[in-house]
PDB file of N, CA and C in Angstrom:
ATOM      1  N   MET A   1      20.993 -13.490   2.716  1.00  0.00           N
ATOM      2  CA  MET A   1      19.599 -13.700   2.438  1.00  0.00           C
ATOM      3  C   MET A   1      19.140 -15.122   2.911  1.00  0.00           C
ATOM      4  N   THR A   2      18.256 -15.288   3.588  1.00  0.00           N
ATOM      5  CA  THR A   2      17.871 -16.639   4.097  1.00  0.00           C
ATOM      6  C   THR A   2      16.334 -16.784   3.784  1.00  0.00           C
ATOM      7  N   ILE A   3      15.981 -17.189   2.547  1.00  0.00           N
ATOM      8  CA  ILE A   3      14.667 -17.571   2.227  1.00  0.00           C
ATOM      9  C   ILE A   3      14.529 -19.026   2.162  1.00  0.00           C
ATOM     10  N   THR A   4      13.632 -19.509   2.930  1.00  0.00           N
ATOM     11  CA  THR A   4      13.398 -20.957   2.835  1.00  0.00           C
ATOM     12  C   THR A   4      12.403 -21.460   1.675  1.00  0.00           C
ATOM     13  N   LEU A   5      12.907 -22.492   1.179  1.00  0.00           N
ATOM     14  CA  LEU A   5      11.911 -22.995   0.036  1.00  0.00           C
ATOM     15  C   LEU A   5      10.760 -23.767   0.591  1.00  0.00           C
ATOM     16  N   GLN A   6       9.701 -23.706  -0.130  1.00  0.00           N
ATOM     17  CA  GLN A   6       8.479 -24.322   0.332  1.00  0.00           C
ATOM     18  C   GLN A   6       8.422 -25.757  -0.182  1.00  0.00           C
ATOM     19  N   ASP A   7       7.991 -26.566   0.587  1.00  0.00           N
ATOM     20  CA  ASP A   7       7.797 -28.027   0.191  1.00  0.00           C
ATOM     21  C   ASP A   7       6.634 -28.191  -0.852  1.00  0.00           C
ATOM     22  N   ILE A   8       7.119 -28.613  -2.027  1.00  0.00           N
ATOM     23  CA  ILE A   8       5.982 -28.679  -3.124  1.00  0.00           C
ATOM     24  C   ILE A   8       5.098 -29.966  -2.950  1.00  0.00           C
ATOM     25  N   GLU A   9       5.703 -30.920  -2.461  1.00  0.00           N
ATOM     26  CA  GLU A   9       4.909 -32.116  -2.225  1.00  0.00           C
ATOM     27  C   GLU A   9       3.987 -32.126  -1.128  1.00  0.00           C
ATOM     28  N   HIS A  10       4.401 -31.495  -0.140  1.00  0.00           N
ATOM     29  CA  HIS A  10       3.477 -31.288   1.080  1.00  0.00           C
ATOM     30  C   HIS A  10       3.267 -29.834   1.396  1.00  0.00           C
ATOM     31  N   PRO A  11       2.542 -29.082   0.745  1.00  0.00           N
ATOM     32  CA  PRO A  11       2.428 -27.755   0.947  1.00  0.00           C
ATOM     33  C   PRO A  11       1.584 -27.385   2.294  1.00  0.00           C
ATOM     34  N   PRO A  12       1.938 -26.371   2.854  1.00  0.00           N
ATOM     35  CA  PRO A  12       1.083 -25.987   4.097  1.00  0.00           C
ATOM     36  C   PRO A  12      -0.344 -25.878   3.878  1.00  0.00           C
ATOM     37  N   GLN A  13      -1.162 -26.032   4.872  1.00  0.00           N
ATOM     38  CA  GLN A  13      -2.553 -25.861   4.715  1.00  0.00           C
ATOM     39  C   GLN A  13      -2.844 -24.480   4.135  1.00  0.00           C
ATOM     40  N   ALA A  14      -3.838 -24.332   3.322  1.00  0.00           N
ATOM     41  CA  ALA A  14      -4.095 -23.051   2.619  1.00  0.00           C
ATOM     42  C   ALA A  14      -4.742 -22.089   3.851  1.00  0.00           C
ATOM     43  N   ALA A  15      -4.072 -20.912   3.791  1.00  0.00           N
ATOM     44  CA  ALA A  15      -4.517 -19.912   4.815  1.00  0.00           C
ATOM     45  C   ALA A  15      -5.423 -18.886   4.066  1.00  0.00           C
ATOM     46  N   ALA A  16      -6.086 -18.271   4.848  1.00  0.00           N
ATOM     47  CA  ALA A  16      -6.988 -17.158   4.247  1.00  0.00           C
ATOM     48  C   ALA A  16      -6.116 -16.201   3.553  1.00  0.00           C
ATOM     49  N   ALA A  17      -6.590 -15.686   2.469  1.00  0.00           N
ATOM     50  CA  ALA A  17      -5.957 -14.643   1.672  1.00  0.00           C
ATOM     51  C   ALA A  17      -5.720 -13.388   2.519  1.00  0.00           C
ATOM     52  N   ASP A  18      -4.563 -12.829   2.341  1.00  0.00           N
ATOM     53  CA  ASP A  18      -4.219 -11.431   3.053  1.00  0.00           C
ATOM     54  C   ASP A  18      -4.133 -10.439   2.023  1.00  0.00           C
ATOM     55  N   TRP A  19      -5.289  -9.844   1.741  1.00  0.00           N
ATOM     56  CA  TRP A  19      -5.340  -8.901   0.665  1.00  0.00           C
ATOM     57  C   TRP A  19      -4.506  -7.529   0.978  1.00  0.00           C
ATOM     58  N   ALA A  20      -4.211  -7.267   2.239  1.00  0.00           N
ATOM     59  CA  ALA A  20      -3.591  -6.192   2.623  1.00  0.00           C
ATOM     60  C   ALA A  20      -2.099  -6.075   1.945  1.00  0.00           C
ATOM     61  N   VAL A  21      -1.599  -7.128   1.513  1.00  0.00           N
ATOM     62  CA  VAL A  21      -0.221  -7.220   0.857  1.00  0.00           C
ATOM     63  C   VAL A  21      -0.290  -6.414  -0.320  1.00  0.00           C
ATOM     64  N   LEU A  22      -1.456  -6.236  -0.939  1.00  0.00           N
ATOM     65  CA  LEU A  22      -1.575  -5.556  -2.249  1.00  0.00           C
ATOM     66  C   LEU A  22      -1.377  -4.110  -2.060  1.00  0.00           C
ATOM     67  N   ALA A  23      -1.574  -3.585  -0.845  1.00  0.00           N
ATOM     68  CA  ALA A  23      -1.462  -2.206  -0.639  1.00  0.00           C
ATOM     69  C   ALA A  23       0.007  -1.793  -0.592  1.00  0.00           C
ATOM     70  N   GLU A  24       1.012  -2.634  -0.580  1.00  0.00           N
ATOM     71  CA  GLU A  24       2.355  -2.339  -0.469  1.00  0.00           C
ATOM     72  C   GLU A  24       2.701  -1.969  -2.028  1.00  0.00           C
ATOM     73  N   PRO A  25       3.307  -0.878  -2.280  1.00  0.00           N
ATOM     74  CA  PRO A  25       3.561  -0.431  -3.636  1.00  0.00           C
ATOM     75  C   PRO A  25       4.367  -1.326  -4.435  1.00  0.00           C
ATOM     76  N   GLN A  26       5.384  -1.809  -4.004  1.00  0.00           N
ATOM     77  CA  GLN A  26       6.257  -2.806  -4.747  1.00  0.00           C
ATOM     78  C   GLN A  26       5.365  -4.080  -5.160  1.00  0.00           C
ATOM     79  N   VAL A  27       4.507  -4.606  -4.279  1.00  0.00           N
ATOM     80  CA  VAL A  27       3.822  -5.778  -4.559  1.00  0.00           C
ATOM     81  C   VAL A  27       2.798  -5.435  -5.775  1.00  0.00           C
ATOM     82  N   ASP A  28       1.986  -4.282  -5.641  1.00  0.00           N
ATOM     83  CA  ASP A  28       1.119  -3.898  -6.692  1.00  0.00           C
ATOM     84  C   ASP A  28       1.929  -3.690  -8.062  1.00  0.00           C
ATOM     85  N   SER A  29       2.938  -2.968  -8.044  1.00  0.00           N
ATOM     86  CA  SER A  29       3.600  -2.695  -9.245  1.00  0.00           C
ATOM     87  C   SER A  29       4.202  -3.995  -9.908  1.00  0.00           C
ATOM     88  N   VAL A  30       4.699  -4.923  -9.092  1.00  0.00           N
ATOM     89  CA  VAL A  30       5.243  -6.222  -9.580  1.00  0.00           C
ATOM     90  C   VAL A  30       4.070  -7.081 -10.200  1.00  0.00           C
ATOM     91  N   CYS A  31       2.912  -7.107  -9.505  1.00  0.00           N
ATOM     92  CA  CYS A  31       1.832  -7.889 -10.050  1.00  0.00           C
ATOM     93  C   CYS A  31       1.438  -7.330 -11.360  1.00  0.00           C
ATOM     94  N   ARG A  32       1.386  -5.926 -11.570  1.00  0.00           N
ATOM     95  CA  ARG A  32       0.953  -5.284 -12.806  1.00  0.00           C
ATOM     96  C   ARG A  32       1.992  -5.634 -13.900  1.00  0.00           C
ATOM     97  N   ALA A  33       3.316  -5.540 -13.539  1.00  0.00           N
ATOM     98  CA  ALA A  33       4.401  -5.782 -14.497  1.00  0.00           C
ATOM     99  C   ALA A  33       4.388  -7.238 -15.005  1.00  0.00           C
ATOM    100  N   VAL A  34       4.213  -8.167 -14.160  1.00  0.00           N
ATOM    101  CA  VAL A  34       4.168  -9.572 -14.384  1.00  0.00           C
ATOM    102  C   VAL A  34       2.807  -9.895 -15.253  1.00  0.00           C
ATOM    103  N   ALA A  35       1.763  -9.221 -14.990  1.00  0.00           N
ATOM    104  CA  ALA A  35       0.514  -9.445 -15.866  1.00  0.00           C
ATOM    105  C   ALA A  35       0.729  -8.777 -17.230  1.00  0.00           C
ATOM    106  N   ARG A  36       1.465  -7.723 -17.241  1.00  0.00           N
ATOM    107  CA  ARG A  36       1.613  -7.198 -18.639  1.00  0.00           C
ATOM    108  C   ARG A  36       2.611  -8.064 -19.582  1.00  0.00           C
ATOM    109  N   GLY A  37       3.592  -8.640 -18.924  1.00  0.00           N
ATOM    110  CA  GLY A  37       4.545  -9.595 -19.575  1.00  0.00           C
ATOM    111  C   GLY A  37       3.689 -10.866 -20.058  1.00  0.00           C
ATOM    112  N   PHE A  38       2.950 -11.328 -19.223  1.00  0.00           N
ATOM    113  CA  PHE A  38       2.209 -12.491 -19.563  1.00  0.00           C
ATOM    114  C   PHE A  38       1.102 -12.238 -20.648  1.00  0.00           C
ATOM    115  N   SER A  39       0.486 -11.170 -20.568  1.00  0.00           N
ATOM    116  CA  SER A  39      -0.575 -10.742 -21.604  1.00  0.00           C
ATOM    117  C   SER A  39       0.074 -10.521 -22.941  1.00  0.00           C
ATOM    118  N   ARG A  40       1.378  -9.969 -22.846  1.00  0.00           N
ATOM    119  CA  ARG A  40       2.177  -9.875 -24.161  1.00  0.00           C
ATOM    120  C   ARG A  40       2.662 -11.198 -24.630  1.00  0.00           C
ATOM    121  N   ASP A  41       3.148 -12.110 -23.868  1.00  0.00           N
ATOM    122  CA  ASP A  41       3.816 -13.368 -24.268  1.00  0.00           C
ATOM    123  C   ASP A  41       2.670 -14.325 -24.620  1.00  0.00           C
ATOM    124  N   TYR A  42       1.583 -14.288 -23.763  1.00  0.00           N
ATOM    125  CA  TYR A  42       0.559 -15.307 -23.995  1.00  0.00           C
ATOM    126  C   TYR A  42      -0.706 -14.735 -24.302  1.00  0.00           C
ATOM    127  N   GLY A  43      -0.813 -13.687 -25.112  1.00  0.00           N
ATOM    128  CA  GLY A  43      -1.935 -12.983 -25.415  1.00  0.00           C
ATOM    129  C   GLY A  43      -3.162 -13.649 -25.963  1.00  0.00           C
ATOM    130  N   LEU A  44      -2.840 -14.819 -26.635  1.00  0.00           N
ATOM    131  CA  LEU A  44      -4.001 -15.611 -27.151  1.00  0.00           C
ATOM    132  C   LEU A  44      -4.673 -16.362 -26.045  1.00  0.00           C
ATOM    133  N   THR A  45      -3.989 -16.648 -24.951  1.00  0.00           N
ATOM    134  CA  THR A  45      -4.491 -17.369 -23.872  1.00  0.00           C
ATOM    135  C   THR A  45      -4.866 -16.585 -22.528  1.00  0.00           C
ATOM    136  N   LEU A  46      -4.090 -15.550 -22.306  1.00  0.00           N
ATOM    137  CA  LEU A  46      -4.186 -14.950 -20.997  1.00  0.00           C
ATOM    138  C   LEU A  46      -4.218 -13.444 -21.235  1.00  0.00           C
ATOM    139  N   GLU A  47      -5.387 -12.733 -21.042  1.00  0.00           N
ATOM    140  CA  GLU A  47      -5.486 -11.358 -21.290  1.00  0.00           C
ATOM    141  C   GLU A  47      -4.833 -10.561 -19.987  1.00  0.00           C
ATOM    142  N   TYR A  48      -4.638  -9.367 -20.073  1.00  0.00           N
ATOM    143  CA  TYR A  48      -4.013  -8.568 -18.940  1.00  0.00           C
ATOM    144  C   TYR A  48      -4.811  -8.673 -17.820  1.00  0.00           C
ATOM    145  N   GLU A  49      -6.174  -8.536 -17.863  1.00  0.00           N
ATOM    146  CA  GLU A  49      -6.987  -8.439 -16.645  1.00  0.00           C
ATOM    147  C   GLU A  49      -6.912  -9.909 -16.071  1.00  0.00           C
ATOM    148  N   ASP A  50      -7.007 -10.854 -16.787  1.00  0.00           N
ATOM    149  CA  ASP A  50      -7.012 -12.275 -16.179  1.00  0.00           C
ATOM    150  C   ASP A  50      -5.713 -12.515 -15.417  1.00  0.00           C
ATOM    151  N   ALA A  51      -4.600 -12.123 -16.302  1.00  0.00           N
ATOM    152  CA  ALA A  51      -3.144 -12.340 -15.593  1.00  0.00           C
ATOM    153  C   ALA A  51      -3.053 -11.556 -14.375  1.00  0.00           C
ATOM    154  N   LEU A  52      -3.558 -10.278 -14.413  1.00  0.00           N
ATOM    155  CA  LEU A  52      -3.416  -9.529 -13.135  1.00  0.00           C
ATOM    156  C   LEU A  52      -4.293 -10.012 -12.022  1.00  0.00           C
ATOM    157  N   GLN A  53      -5.422 -10.611 -12.278  1.00  0.00           N
ATOM    158  CA  GLN A  53      -6.269 -11.207 -11.328  1.00  0.00           C
ATOM    159  C   GLN A  53      -5.462 -12.449 -10.738  1.00  0.00           C
ATOM    160  N   GLU A  54      -5.017 -13.196 -11.589  1.00  0.00           N
ATOM    161  CA  GLU A  54      -4.135 -14.414 -11.036  1.00  0.00           C
ATOM    162  C   GLU A  54      -2.993 -14.053 -10.289  1.00  0.00           C
ATOM    163  N   ALA A  55      -2.319 -13.073 -10.743  1.00  0.00           N
ATOM    164  CA  ALA A  55      -1.156 -12.605  -9.984  1.00  0.00           C
ATOM    165  C   ALA A  55      -1.491 -12.078  -8.522  1.00  0.00           C
ATOM    166  N   VAL A  56      -2.604 -11.379  -8.493  1.00  0.00           N
ATOM    167  CA  VAL A  56      -3.097 -10.797  -7.182  1.00  0.00           C
ATOM    168  C   VAL A  56      -3.467 -11.900  -6.337  1.00  0.00           C
ATOM    169  N   ILE A  57      -4.221 -12.794  -6.800  1.00  0.00           N
ATOM    170  CA  ILE A  57      -4.674 -13.921  -6.140  1.00  0.00           C
ATOM    171  C   ILE A  57      -3.382 -14.763  -5.472  1.00  0.00           C
ATOM    172  N   ILE A  58      -2.367 -15.046  -6.264  1.00  0.00           N
ATOM    173  CA  ILE A  58      -1.246 -15.790  -5.945  1.00  0.00           C
ATOM    174  C   ILE A  58      -0.528 -14.928  -4.729  1.00  0.00           C
ATOM    175  N   ALA A  59      -0.489 -13.667  -5.013  1.00  0.00           N
ATOM    176  CA  ALA A  59       0.274 -12.799  -3.867  1.00  0.00           C
ATOM    177  C   ALA A  59      -0.543 -12.785  -2.675  1.00  0.00           C
ATOM    178  N   ALA A  60      -1.857 -12.650  -2.732  1.00  0.00           N
ATOM    179  CA  ALA A  60      -2.712 -12.690  -1.409  1.00  0.00           C
ATOM    180  C   ALA A  60      -2.600 -14.042  -0.759  1.00  0.00           C
ATOM    181  N   GLU A  61      -2.535 -15.159  -1.459  1.00  0.00           N
ATOM    182  CA  GLU A  61      -2.668 -16.398  -0.908  1.00  0.00           C
ATOM    183  C   GLU A  61      -1.310 -16.732  -0.063  1.00  0.00           C
ATOM    184  N   ARG A  62      -0.274 -16.161  -0.575  1.00  0.00           N
ATOM    185  CA  ARG A  62       1.052 -16.336   0.091  1.00  0.00           C
ATOM    186  C   ARG A  62       1.652 -15.010   0.527  1.00  0.00           C
ATOM    187  N   ALA A  63       0.860 -14.313   1.153  1.00  0.00           N
ATOM    188  CA  ALA A  63       1.227 -12.917   1.673  1.00  0.00           C
ATOM    189  C   ALA A  63       2.504 -12.816   2.427  1.00  0.00           C
ATOM    190  N   ALA A  64       2.529 -13.784   3.450  1.00  0.00           N
ATOM    191  CA  ALA A  64       3.775 -13.831   4.338  1.00  0.00           C
ATOM    192  C   ALA A  64       5.116 -14.012   3.504  1.00  0.00           C
ATOM    193  N   TYR A  65       4.943 -14.908   2.642  1.00  0.00           N
ATOM    194  CA  TYR A  65       6.142 -15.096   1.767  1.00  0.00           C
ATOM    195  C   TYR A  65       6.448 -14.047   0.823  1.00  0.00           C
ATOM    196  N   VAL A  66       5.491 -13.371   0.309  1.00  0.00           N
ATOM    197  CA  VAL A  66       5.664 -12.305  -0.562  1.00  0.00           C
ATOM    198  C   VAL A  66       6.357 -11.152   0.188  1.00  0.00           C
ATOM    199  N   ARG A  67       5.936 -10.997   1.346  1.00  0.00           N
ATOM    200  CA  ARG A  67       6.529  -9.872   2.154  1.00  0.00           C
ATOM    201  C   ARG A  67       8.052 -10.285   2.615  1.00  0.00           C
ATOM    202  N   GLN A  68       8.289 -11.479   2.741  1.00  0.00           N
ATOM    203  CA  GLN A  68       9.641 -11.826   3.054  1.00  0.00           C
ATOM    204  C   GLN A  68      10.399 -11.651   1.819  1.00  0.00           C
ATOM    205  N   LEU A  69       9.921 -12.087   0.507  1.00  0.00           N
ATOM    206  CA  LEU A  69      10.756 -11.948  -0.684  1.00  0.00           C
ATOM    207  C   LEU A  69      11.064 -10.388  -0.757  1.00  0.00           C
ATOM    208  N   VAL A  70      10.063  -9.647  -0.690  1.00  0.00           N
ATOM    209  CA  VAL A  70      10.317  -8.205  -0.812  1.00  0.00           C
ATOM    210  C   VAL A  70      11.382  -7.618   0.116  1.00  0.00           C
ATOM    211  N   ALA A  71      11.216  -8.087   1.444  1.00  0.00           N
ATOM    212  CA  ALA A  71      12.123  -7.556   2.462  1.00  0.00           C
ATOM    213  C   ALA A  71      13.604  -8.097   2.239  1.00  0.00           C
ATOM    214  N   GLU A  72      13.697  -9.172   1.758  1.00  0.00           N
ATOM    215  CA  GLU A  72      15.044  -9.889   1.684  1.00  0.00           C
ATOM    216  C   GLU A  72      15.657  -9.694   0.226  1.00  0.00           C
ATOM    217  N   GLY A  73      14.727  -9.725  -0.781  1.00  0.00           N
ATOM    218  CA  GLY A  73      15.395  -9.687  -2.120  1.00  0.00           C
ATOM    219  C   GLY A  73      14.919  -8.538  -2.984  1.00  0.00           C
ATOM    220  N   GLY A  74      13.940  -7.839  -2.592  1.00  0.00           N
ATOM    221  CA  GLY A  74      13.420  -6.598  -3.332  1.00  0.00           C
ATOM    222  C   GLY A  74      12.338  -7.091  -4.376  1.00  0.00           C
ATOM    223  N   ALA A  75      12.017  -6.117  -5.161  1.00  0.00           N
ATOM    224  CA  ALA A  75      11.090  -6.242  -6.262  1.00  0.00           C
ATOM    225  C   ALA A  75      11.450  -7.284  -7.282  1.00  0.00           C
ATOM    226  N   GLY A  76      12.733  -7.416  -7.588  1.00  0.00           N
ATOM    227  CA  GLY A  76      13.214  -8.236  -8.706  1.00  0.00           C
ATOM    228  C   GLY A  76      12.924  -9.663  -8.250  1.00  0.00           C
ATOM    229  N   LEU A  77      13.264 -10.174  -7.009  1.00  0.00           N
ATOM    230  CA  LEU A  77      13.031 -11.405  -6.618  1.00  0.00           C
ATOM    231  C   LEU A  77      11.549 -11.742  -6.712  1.00  0.00           C
ATOM    232  N   LEU A  78      10.651 -10.828  -6.097  1.00  0.00           N
ATOM    233  CA  LEU A  78       9.212 -10.966  -6.137  1.00  0.00           C
ATOM    234  C   LEU A  78       8.816 -11.208  -7.648  1.00  0.00           C
ATOM    235  N   HIS A  79       9.269 -10.389  -8.548  1.00  0.00           N
ATOM    236  CA  HIS A  79       8.921 -10.500  -9.983  1.00  0.00           C
ATOM    237  C   HIS A  79       9.256 -11.916 -10.507  1.00  0.00           C
ATOM    238  N   ARG A  80      10.441 -12.400 -10.258  1.00  0.00           N
ATOM    239  CA  ARG A  80      10.808 -13.666 -10.697  1.00  0.00           C
ATOM    240  C   ARG A  80       9.961 -14.835 -10.133  1.00  0.00           C
ATOM    241  N   TRP A  81       9.831 -14.790  -8.855  1.00  0.00           N
ATOM    242  CA  TRP A  81       8.845 -15.746  -8.077  1.00  0.00           C
ATOM    243  C   TRP A  81       7.532 -15.715  -8.558  1.00  0.00           C
ATOM    244  N   LEU A  82       6.830 -14.548  -8.710  1.00  0.00           N
ATOM    245  CA  LEU A  82       5.560 -14.518  -9.189  1.00  0.00           C
ATOM    246  C   LEU A  82       5.462 -14.915 -10.522  1.00  0.00           C
ATOM    247  N   SER A  83       6.311 -14.534 -11.459  1.00  0.00           N
ATOM    248  CA  SER A  83       6.346 -14.998 -12.863  1.00  0.00           C
ATOM    249  C   SER A  83       6.315 -16.586 -12.910  1.00  0.00           C
ATOM    250  N   GLN A  84       7.175 -17.220 -12.028  1.00  0.00           N
ATOM    251  CA  GLN A  84       7.241 -18.675 -12.095  1.00  0.00           C
ATOM    252  C   GLN A  84       5.856 -19.220 -11.609  1.00  0.00           C
ATOM    253  N   ARG A  85       5.258 -18.627 -10.516  1.00  0.00           N
ATOM    254  CA  ARG A  85       3.947 -19.272 -10.216  1.00  0.00           C
ATOM    255  C   ARG A  85       2.955 -19.003 -11.156  1.00  0.00           C
ATOM    256  N   LEU A  86       2.885 -18.008 -11.894  1.00  0.00           N
ATOM    257  CA  LEU A  86       1.887 -17.696 -12.975  1.00  0.00           C
ATOM    258  C   LEU A  86       2.061 -18.546 -14.080  1.00  0.00           C
ATOM    259  N   ARG A  87       3.294 -18.708 -14.340  1.00  0.00           N
ATOM    260  CA  ARG A  87       3.837 -19.626 -15.476  1.00  0.00           C
ATOM    261  C   ARG A  87       3.358 -21.055 -15.231  1.00  0.00           C
ATOM    262  N   ASP A  88       3.528 -21.426 -13.935  1.00  0.00           N
ATOM    263  CA  ASP A  88       3.026 -22.837 -13.512  1.00  0.00           C
ATOM    264  C   ASP A  88       1.550 -23.042 -13.718  1.00  0.00           C
ATOM    265  N   ARG A  89       0.801 -21.966 -13.414  1.00  0.00           N
ATOM    266  CA  ARG A  89      -0.532 -22.083 -13.660  1.00  0.00           C
ATOM    267  C   ARG A  89      -1.056 -22.059 -15.020  1.00  0.00           C
ATOM    268  N   TRP A  90      -0.353 -21.387 -15.920  1.00  0.00           N
ATOM    269  CA  TRP A  90      -0.844 -21.119 -17.243  1.00  0.00           C
ATOM    270  C   TRP A  90      -0.047 -21.564 -18.348  1.00  0.00           C
ATOM    271  N   LEU A  91       1.229 -22.055 -18.243  1.00  0.00           N
ATOM    272  CA  LEU A  91       1.960 -22.458 -19.437  1.00  0.00           C
ATOM    273  C   LEU A  91       1.438 -23.692 -20.097  1.00  0.00           C
ATOM    274  N   THR A  92       0.845 -24.615 -19.314  1.00  0.00           N
ATOM    275  CA  THR A  92       0.231 -25.771 -20.062  1.00  0.00           C
ATOM    276  C   THR A  92      -0.917 -25.367 -20.698  1.00  0.00           C
ATOM    277  N   GLU A  93      -1.759 -24.538 -20.309  1.00  0.00           N
ATOM    278  CA  GLU A  93      -2.945 -24.064 -21.043  1.00  0.00           C
ATOM    279  C   GLU A  93      -2.533 -23.273 -22.206  1.00  0.00           C
ATOM    280  N   ALA A  94      -1.501 -22.502 -22.152  1.00  0.00           N
ATOM    281  CA  ALA A  94      -1.049 -21.598 -23.272  1.00  0.00           C
ATOM    282  C   ALA A  94      -0.462 -22.566 -24.425  1.00  0.00           C
ATOM    283  N   LYS A  95       0.205 -23.575 -24.017  1.00  0.00           N
ATOM    284  CA  LYS A  95       0.773 -24.533 -25.077  1.00  0.00           C
ATOM    285  C   LYS A  95      -0.411 -25.254 -25.745  1.00  0.00           C
ATOM    286  N   ARG A  96      -1.387 -25.629 -24.962  1.00  0.00           N
ATOM    287  CA  ARG A  96      -2.565 -26.430 -25.592  1.00  0.00           C
ATOM    288  C   ARG A  96      -3.345 -25.454 -26.565  1.00  0.00           C
ATOM    289  N   ARG A  97      -3.535 -24.381 -26.071  1.00  0.00           N
ATOM    290  CA  ARG A  97      -4.258 -23.462 -26.886  1.00  0.00           C
ATOM    291  C   ARG A  97      -3.547 -22.971 -28.142  1.00  0.00           C
ATOM    292  N   SER A  98      -2.273 -22.791 -28.027  1.00  0.00           N
ATOM    293  CA  SER A  98      -1.401 -22.272 -29.250  1.00  0.00           C
ATOM    294  C   SER A  98      -1.361 -23.484 -30.240  1.00  0.00           C
ATOM    295  N   ALA A  99      -1.529 -24.658 -29.874  1.00  0.00           N
ATOM    296  CA  ALA A  99      -1.573 -25.779 -30.709  1.00  0.00           C
ATOM    297  C   ALA A  99      -2.878 -26.010 -31.328  1.00  0.00           C
ATOM    298  N   HIS A 100      -3.896 -25.426 -30.909  1.00  0.00           N
ATOM    299  CA  HIS A 100      -5.196 -25.637 -31.401  1.00  0.00           C
ATOM    300  C   HIS A 100      -5.563 -24.951 -32.667  1.00  0.00           C
ATOM    301  N   VAL A 101      -6.084 -25.659 -33.535  1.00  0.00           N
ATOM    302  CA  VAL A 101      -6.391 -25.062 -34.832  1.00  0.00           C
ATOM    303  C   VAL A 101      -7.965 -24.713 -34.885  1.00  0.00           C
ATOM    304  N   SER A 102      -8.272 -23.557 -35.179  1.00  0.00           N
ATOM    305  CA  SER A 102      -9.745 -23.196 -35.362  1.00  0.00           C
ATOM    306  C   SER A 102     -10.516 -23.901 -36.380  1.00  0.00           C
ATOM    307  N   TYR A 103     -11.692 -23.894 -36.141  1.00  0.00           N
ATOM    308  CA  TYR A 103     -12.686 -24.596 -37.080  1.00  0.00           C
ATOM    309  C   TYR A 103     -12.415 -24.140 -38.501  1.00  0.00           C
ATOM    310  N   GLU A 104     -12.373 -22.709 -38.708  1.00  0.00           N
ATOM    311  CA  GLU A 104     -12.277 -22.082 -39.946  1.00  0.00           C
ATOM    312  C   GLU A 104     -10.929 -22.485 -40.681  1.00  0.00           C
ATOM    313  N   VAL A 105      -9.854 -22.528 -39.936  1.00  0.00           N
ATOM    314  CA  VAL A 105      -8.542 -22.877 -40.536  1.00  0.00           C
ATOM    315  C   VAL A 105      -8.538 -24.452 -40.910  1.00  0.00           C
ATOM    316  N   ALA A 106      -9.163 -25.285 -40.148  1.00  0.00           N
ATOM    317  CA  ALA A 106      -9.210 -26.676 -40.405  1.00  0.00           C
ATOM    318  C   ALA A 106     -10.118 -26.817 -41.672  1.00  0.00           C
ATOM    319  N   ARG A 107     -11.263 -26.297 -41.731  1.00  0.00           N
ATOM    320  CA  ARG A 107     -12.101 -26.257 -42.906  1.00  0.00           C
ATOM    321  C   ARG A 107     -11.476 -25.841 -44.115  1.00  0.00           C
ATOM    322  N   ASN A 108     -10.723 -24.728 -44.190  1.00  0.00           N
ATOM    323  CA  ASN A 108     -10.040 -24.143 -45.226  1.00  0.00           C
ATOM    324  C   ASN A 108      -8.861 -25.144 -45.677  1.00  0.00           C
ATOM    325  N   ALA A 109      -8.222 -25.766 -44.682  1.00  0.00           N
ATOM    326  CA  ALA A 109      -7.214 -26.660 -45.092  1.00  0.00           C
ATOM    327  C   ALA A 109      -7.813 -27.920 -45.816  1.00  0.00           C
ATOM    328  N   ALA A 110      -8.887 -28.384 -45.258  1.00  0.00           N
ATOM    329  CA  ALA A 110      -9.452 -29.580 -45.862  1.00  0.00           C
ATOM    330  C   ALA A 110     -10.046 -29.289 -47.168  1.00  0.00           C
ATOM    331  N   GLU A 111     -10.703 -28.099 -47.466  1.00  0.00           N
ATOM    332  CA  GLU A 111     -11.086 -27.762 -48.725  1.00  0.00           C
ATOM    333  C   GLU A 111     -10.083 -27.527 -49.750  1.00  0.00           C
ATOM    334  N   SER A 112      -8.861 -26.898 -49.314  1.00  0.00           N
ATOM    335  CA  SER A 112      -7.851 -26.660 -50.389  1.00  0.00           C
ATOM    336  C   SER A 112      -6.971 -27.901 -50.625  1.00  0.00           C
ATOM    337  N   GLY A 113      -7.070 -28.958 -49.652  1.00  0.00           N
ATOM    338  CA  GLY A 113      -6.388 -30.083 -49.832  1.00  0.00           C
ATOM    339  C   GLY A 113      -7.018 -31.134 -50.632  1.00  0.00           C
ATOM    340  N   GLY A 114      -8.248 -30.897 -50.817  1.00  0.00           N
ATOM    341  CA  GLY A 114      -9.137 -31.885 -51.611  1.00  0.00           C
ATOM    342  C   GLY A 114      -9.092 -31.410 -53.156  1.00  0.00           C
ATOM    343  N   ARG A 115      -8.404 -30.337 -53.532  1.00  0.00           N
ATOM    344  CA  ARG A 115      -8.493 -29.954 -54.788  1.00  0.00           C
ATOM    345  C   ARG A 115      -7.185 -30.169 -55.555  1.00  0.00           C
TER     346      ARG A 115
END
């Protein structure tokens, strides 16, 4: 297997999205599986529809690389790669929101602490 790593510091110029990659059954099913996993793990931050939309956008933006992953490594490698890309986009947001205290919880804590 010869998959070349992409340079993170000097990414290639953004190409137009190739939405045709989503017609491939493995790509569609992997996008859906990744979205289900993220909506389950980060449900307070990322709903299924949003996760699916992000996964689809990532796949379409990097369609040539997605096709290469599927051809050389199968759906498992695509799942891992797509999960990592989605995690990169959303993990910081998920951590921030999970640490957020709602107004009601903060008010209740302040009221009960004062007694």
